């Protein structure tokens, strides 16, 4: 039985979420065959997201279903990006909650936060293996770029997009 959106609670990250979020991110990348070097799969920071998102002008939203983490996504001022540009990062949801609009709600919360803290652009990096996510980004008005921006260190991501707010 598929989850219903109204059963899902969305909140900001807590220190106790680190292990469950790392599992979500790595299992999703593995599911799509995107668990290769140069992605968050191998980032040490993936195991310490609460600490990462203590950075000023960043936020990470966690989606819970029956007290279990089922998704997440955030905004981060990635090094090397212009001061008015943030990155949409670590946007993942488990298979049993896909197709109900959870990803779109997380993205919209991220966009709303970015506007609230005066970002003018949202950048993201992705890869062809994540086709379903790319369709969602298109719907939100993200446009493809010719090259990467900033210094994320994710050389395994070869698609880049930008949304002007």
C-alpha atoms as a PDB file:
ATOM      1  CA  UNK A   1       0.000   0.000   0.000  1.00  0.00           C
ATOM      2  CA  UNK A   2       1.444   3.353  -1.042  1.00  0.00           C
ATOM      3  CA  UNK A   3       1.849   6.090   1.523  1.00  0.00           C
ATOM      4  CA  UNK A   4      -0.338   9.163   1.381  1.00  0.00           C
ATOM      5  CA  UNK A   5       1.152  12.634   1.469  1.00  0.00           C
ATOM      6  CA  UNK A   6      -0.936  13.675   4.455  1.00  0.00           C
ATOM      7  CA  UNK A   7       0.739  10.896   6.493  1.00  0.00           C
ATOM      8  CA  UNK A   8       4.170  12.452   6.030  1.00  0.00           C
ATOM      9  CA  UNK A   9       5.693  14.915   8.473  1.00  0.00           C
ATOM     10  CA  UNK A  10       8.322  17.341   7.183  1.00  0.00           C
ATOM     11  CA  UNK A  11      10.728  18.964   9.627  1.00  0.00           C
ATOM     12  CA  UNK A  12      14.300  20.239   9.736  1.00  0.00           C
ATOM     13  CA  UNK A  13      17.245  17.934  10.339  1.00  0.00           C
ATOM     14  CA  UNK A  14      18.284  16.764  13.797  1.00  0.00           C
ATOM     15  CA  UNK A  15      21.581  15.189  14.893  1.00  0.00           C
ATOM     16  CA  UNK A  16      19.850  11.808  15.385  1.00  0.00           C
ATOM     17  CA  UNK A  17      18.990  11.731  11.639  1.00  0.00           C
ATOM     18  CA  UNK A  18      22.568  11.337  10.382  1.00  0.00           C
ATOM     19  CA  UNK A  19      22.675   7.543  10.085  1.00  0.00           C
ATOM     20  CA  UNK A  20      19.206   7.173   8.524  1.00  0.00           C
ATOM     21  CA  UNK A  21      19.870   9.938   5.993  1.00  0.00           C
ATOM     22  CA  UNK A  22      23.222   8.451   4.949  1.00  0.00           C
ATOM     23  CA  UNK A  23      21.446   5.115   4.389  1.00  0.00           C
ATOM     24  CA  UNK A  24      18.692   6.814   2.329  1.00  0.00           C
ATOM     25  CA  UNK A  25      21.187   8.661   0.127  1.00  0.00           C
ATOM     26  CA  UNK A  26      23.493   5.714  -0.484  1.00  0.00           C
ATOM     27  CA  UNK A  27      20.712   3.186  -1.086  1.00  0.00           C
ATOM     28  CA  UNK A  28      18.996   5.509  -3.575  1.00  0.00           C
ATOM     29  CA  UNK A  29      22.198   6.136  -5.513  1.00  0.00           C
ATOM     30  CA  UNK A  30      22.899   2.389  -5.556  1.00  0.00           C
ATOM     31  CA  UNK A  31      19.320   1.672  -6.716  1.00  0.00           C
ATOM     32  CA  UNK A  32      19.849   3.849  -9.802  1.00  0.00           C
ATOM     33  CA  UNK A  33      23.403   2.685 -10.472  1.00  0.00           C
ATOM     34  CA  UNK A  34      24.726   6.127  -9.584  1.00  0.00           C
ATOM     35  CA  UNK A  35      26.953   5.008  -6.712  1.00  0.00           C
ATOM     36  CA  UNK A  36      30.222   5.892  -8.378  1.00  0.00           C
ATOM     37  CA  UNK A  37      33.228   8.007  -7.367  1.00  0.00           C
ATOM     38  CA  UNK A  38      32.722  11.748  -7.478  1.00  0.00           C
ATOM     39  CA  UNK A  39      29.220  11.578  -5.969  1.00  0.00           C
ATOM     40  CA  UNK A  40      27.860  12.053  -2.446  1.00  0.00           C
ATOM     41  CA  UNK A  41      27.910   8.249  -2.152  1.00  0.00           C
ATOM     42  CA  UNK A  42      31.595   8.527  -1.200  1.00  0.00           C
ATOM     43  CA  UNK A  43      31.502  11.863   0.667  1.00  0.00           C
ATOM     44  CA  UNK A  44      32.409  11.652   4.342  1.00  0.00           C
ATOM     45  CA  UNK A  45      29.986  14.546   4.903  1.00  0.00           C
ATOM     46  CA  UNK A  46      27.087  12.236   3.936  1.00  0.00           C
ATOM     47  CA  UNK A  47      27.508  10.629   7.363  1.00  0.00           C
ATOM     48  CA  UNK A  48      27.389  14.008   9.161  1.00  0.00           C
ATOM     49  CA  UNK A  49      24.605  15.986   7.504  1.00  0.00           C
ATOM     50  CA  UNK A  50      23.338  17.583  10.711  1.00  0.00           C
ATOM     51  CA  UNK A  51      26.756  19.151  11.262  1.00  0.00           C
ATOM     52  CA  UNK A  52      27.033  20.215   7.602  1.00  0.00           C
ATOM     53  CA  UNK A  53      23.685  21.986   7.719  1.00  0.00           C
ATOM     54  CA  UNK A  54      24.641  24.159  10.686  1.00  0.00           C
ATOM     55  CA  UNK A  55      26.206  26.459   8.065  1.00  0.00           C
ATOM     56  CA  UNK A  56      24.613  29.892   7.781  1.00  0.00           C
ATOM     57  CA  UNK A  57      21.904  30.219   5.086  1.00  0.00           C
ATOM     58  CA  UNK A  58      21.543  26.440   4.759  1.00  0.00           C
ATOM     59  CA  UNK A  59      18.687  24.130   5.672  1.00  0.00           C
ATOM     60  CA  UNK A  60      17.846  20.466   5.329  1.00  0.00           C
ATOM     61  CA  UNK A  61      14.300  19.136   5.371  1.00  0.00           C
ATOM     62  CA  UNK A  62      13.564  15.599   6.536  1.00  0.00           C
ATOM     63  CA  UNK A  63      10.398  13.725   5.565  1.00  0.00           C
ATOM     64  CA  UNK A  64       9.093  11.130   8.028  1.00  0.00           C
ATOM     65  CA  UNK A  65       6.411   8.475   7.692  1.00  0.00           C
ATOM     66  CA  UNK A  66       5.457   6.761  10.964  1.00  0.00           C
ATOM     67  CA  UNK A  67       8.650   8.153  12.572  1.00  0.00           C
ATOM     68  CA  UNK A  68      10.823   6.620   9.805  1.00  0.00           C
ATOM     69  CA  UNK A  69      12.873   8.907   7.565  1.00  0.00           C
ATOM     70  CA  UNK A  70      11.645   8.443   3.984  1.00  0.00           C
ATOM     71  CA  UNK A  71      13.080  11.487   2.218  1.00  0.00           C
ATOM     72  CA  UNK A  72      15.008  14.699   2.430  1.00  0.00           C
ATOM     73  CA  UNK A  73      16.493  17.624   0.603  1.00  0.00           C
ATOM     74  CA  UNK A  74      18.204  20.889   1.331  1.00  0.00           C
ATOM     75  CA  UNK A  75      19.740  24.191   0.386  1.00  0.00           C
ATOM     76  CA  UNK A  76      23.453  24.842   0.874  1.00  0.00           C
ATOM     77  CA  UNK A  77      25.814  27.745   0.026  1.00  0.00           C
ATOM     78  CA  UNK A  78      28.339  25.559  -1.811  1.00  0.00           C
ATOM     79  CA  UNK A  79      31.887  26.875  -1.917  1.00  0.00           C
ATOM     80  CA  UNK A  80      32.714  28.778  -5.076  1.00  0.00           C
ATOM     81  CA  UNK A  81      29.138  29.736  -5.953  1.00  0.00           C
ATOM     82  CA  UNK A  82      28.251  33.425  -6.221  1.00  0.00           C
ATOM     83  CA  UNK A  83      26.942  34.831  -2.907  1.00  0.00           C
ATOM     84  CA  UNK A  84      23.421  35.093  -4.374  1.00  0.00           C
ATOM     85  CA  UNK A  85      23.378  31.419  -5.440  1.00  0.00           C
ATOM     86  CA  UNK A  86      22.780  28.319  -3.326  1.00  0.00           C
ATOM     87  CA  UNK A  87      22.744  24.664  -4.264  1.00  0.00           C
ATOM     88  CA  UNK A  88      19.804  22.255  -4.016  1.00  0.00           C
ATOM     89  CA  UNK A  89      21.445  19.238  -2.403  1.00  0.00           C
ATOM     90  CA  UNK A  90      20.869  15.708  -1.165  1.00  0.00           C
ATOM     91  CA  UNK A  91      17.347  15.431  -2.603  1.00  0.00           C
ATOM     92  CA  UNK A  92      16.311  11.786  -2.154  1.00  0.00           C
ATOM     93  CA  UNK A  93      13.136   9.804  -1.391  1.00  0.00           C
ATOM     94  CA  UNK A  94      12.617   6.090  -0.854  1.00  0.00           C
ATOM     95  CA  UNK A  95      10.730   4.120  -3.549  1.00  0.00           C
ATOM     96  CA  UNK A  96       7.626   3.506  -1.420  1.00  0.00           C
ATOM     97  CA  UNK A  97       6.962   7.264  -1.187  1.00  0.00           C
ATOM     98  CA  UNK A  98       7.699   8.177  -4.801  1.00  0.00           C
ATOM     99  CA  UNK A  99       4.882   9.298  -7.066  1.00  0.00           C
ATOM    100  CA  UNK A 100       2.827  11.007  -4.361  1.00  0.00           C
ATOM    101  CA  UNK A 101       4.354  14.471  -4.716  1.00  0.00           C
ATOM    102  CA  UNK A 102       6.798  14.317  -1.799  1.00  0.00           C
ATOM    103  CA  UNK A 103       9.810  15.268  -3.910  1.00  0.00           C
ATOM    104  CA  UNK A 104       7.946  18.289  -5.259  1.00  0.00           C
ATOM    105  CA  UNK A 105       6.971  19.389  -1.763  1.00  0.00           C
ATOM    106  CA  UNK A 106      10.578  19.117  -0.578  1.00  0.00           C
ATOM    107  CA  UNK A 107      11.812  21.101  -3.591  1.00  0.00           C
ATOM    108  CA  UNK A 108       9.174  23.795  -3.025  1.00  0.00           C
ATOM    109  CA  UNK A 109      10.156  24.073   0.654  1.00  0.00           C
ATOM    110  CA  UNK A 110      13.779  24.506  -0.449  1.00  0.00           C
ATOM    111  CA  UNK A 111      12.825  27.173  -3.002  1.00  0.00           C
ATOM    112  CA  UNK A 112      10.751  29.018  -0.392  1.00  0.00           C
ATOM    113  CA  UNK A 113      13.649  28.957   2.070  1.00  0.00           C
ATOM    114  CA  UNK A 114      16.117  30.165  -0.573  1.00  0.00           C
ATOM    115  CA  UNK A 115      13.871  33.136  -1.315  1.00  0.00           C
ATOM    116  CA  UNK A 116      13.407  33.835   2.404  1.00  0.00           C
ATOM    117  CA  UNK A 117      17.173  34.159   2.927  1.00  0.00           C
ATOM    118  CA  UNK A 118      17.599  36.282  -0.230  1.00  0.00           C
ATOM    119  CA  UNK A 119      19.197  33.878  -2.677  1.00  0.00           C
ATOM    120  CA  UNK A 120      18.549  34.853  -6.305  1.00  0.00           C
ATOM    121  CA  UNK A 121      19.484  31.517  -7.939  1.00  0.00           C
ATOM    122  CA  UNK A 122      19.402  27.834  -7.090  1.00  0.00           C
ATOM    123  CA  UNK A 123      21.985  25.580  -8.711  1.00  0.00           C
ATOM    124  CA  UNK A 124      21.994  21.787  -8.752  1.00  0.00           C
ATOM    125  CA  UNK A 125      24.130  18.940  -9.990  1.00  0.00           C
ATOM    126  CA  UNK A 126      22.750  15.612 -11.113  1.00  0.00           C
ATOM    127  CA  UNK A 127      23.455  12.716 -13.448  1.00  0.00           C
ATOM    128  CA  UNK A 128      21.618  10.912 -16.259  1.00  0.00           C
ATOM    129  CA  UNK A 129      20.862   7.919 -14.018  1.00  0.00           C
ATOM    130  CA  UNK A 130      18.422  10.092 -12.049  1.00  0.00           C
ATOM    131  CA  UNK A 131      15.991  10.711 -14.931  1.00  0.00           C
ATOM    132  CA  UNK A 132      12.881  10.906 -12.730  1.00  0.00           C
ATOM    133  CA  UNK A 133      14.409  13.712 -10.651  1.00  0.00           C
ATOM    134  CA  UNK A 134      15.450  15.613 -13.788  1.00  0.00           C
ATOM    135  CA  UNK A 135      11.826  15.683 -14.979  1.00  0.00           C
ATOM    136  CA  UNK A 136      10.790  17.191 -11.660  1.00  0.00           C
ATOM    137  CA  UNK A 137      13.532  19.821 -11.845  1.00  0.00           C
ATOM    138  CA  UNK A 138      12.311  20.737 -15.340  1.00  0.00           C
ATOM    139  CA  UNK A 139       8.794  21.298 -13.987  1.00  0.00           C
ATOM    140  CA  UNK A 140      10.181  23.705 -11.397  1.00  0.00           C
ATOM    141  CA  UNK A 141      11.895  25.784 -14.068  1.00  0.00           C
ATOM    142  CA  UNK A 142      15.483  24.618 -13.667  1.00  0.00           C
ATOM    143  CA  UNK A 143      17.417  25.097 -16.906  1.00  0.00           C
ATOM    144  CA  UNK A 144      20.438  23.146 -18.093  1.00  0.00           C
ATOM    145  CA  UNK A 145      23.883  24.739 -17.980  1.00  0.00           C
ATOM    146  CA  UNK A 146      26.900  24.015 -20.161  1.00  0.00           C
ATOM    147  CA  UNK A 147      29.288  23.601 -17.223  1.00  0.00           C
ATOM    148  CA  UNK A 148      29.490  23.172 -13.466  1.00  0.00           C
ATOM    149  CA  UNK A 149      29.408  26.066 -11.020  1.00  0.00           C
ATOM    150  CA  UNK A 150      31.119  26.200  -7.639  1.00  0.00           C
ATOM    151  CA  UNK A 151      33.386  23.648  -6.001  1.00  0.00           C
ATOM    152  CA  UNK A 152      31.150  20.789  -4.851  1.00  0.00           C
ATOM    153  CA  UNK A 153      33.846  18.209  -5.619  1.00  0.00           C
ATOM    154  CA  UNK A 154      31.265  16.022  -7.348  1.00  0.00           C
ATOM    155  CA  UNK A 155      33.020  15.282 -10.622  1.00  0.00           C
ATOM    156  CA  UNK A 156      30.710  12.267 -11.008  1.00  0.00           C
ATOM    157  CA  UNK A 157      27.789  14.604 -11.694  1.00  0.00           C
ATOM    158  CA  UNK A 158      27.801  15.700 -15.308  1.00  0.00           C
ATOM    159  CA  UNK A 159      24.492  17.548 -15.585  1.00  0.00           C
ATOM    160  CA  UNK A 160      24.072  21.011 -14.115  1.00  0.00           C
ATOM    161  CA  UNK A 161      20.959  23.128 -13.779  1.00  0.00           C
ATOM    162  CA  UNK A 162      20.020  26.600 -12.527  1.00  0.00           C
ATOM    163  CA  UNK A 163      16.770  28.206 -11.459  1.00  0.00           C
ATOM    164  CA  UNK A 164      16.460  31.972 -11.196  1.00  0.00           C
ATOM    165  CA  UNK A 165      14.246  33.066  -8.314  1.00  0.00           C
END
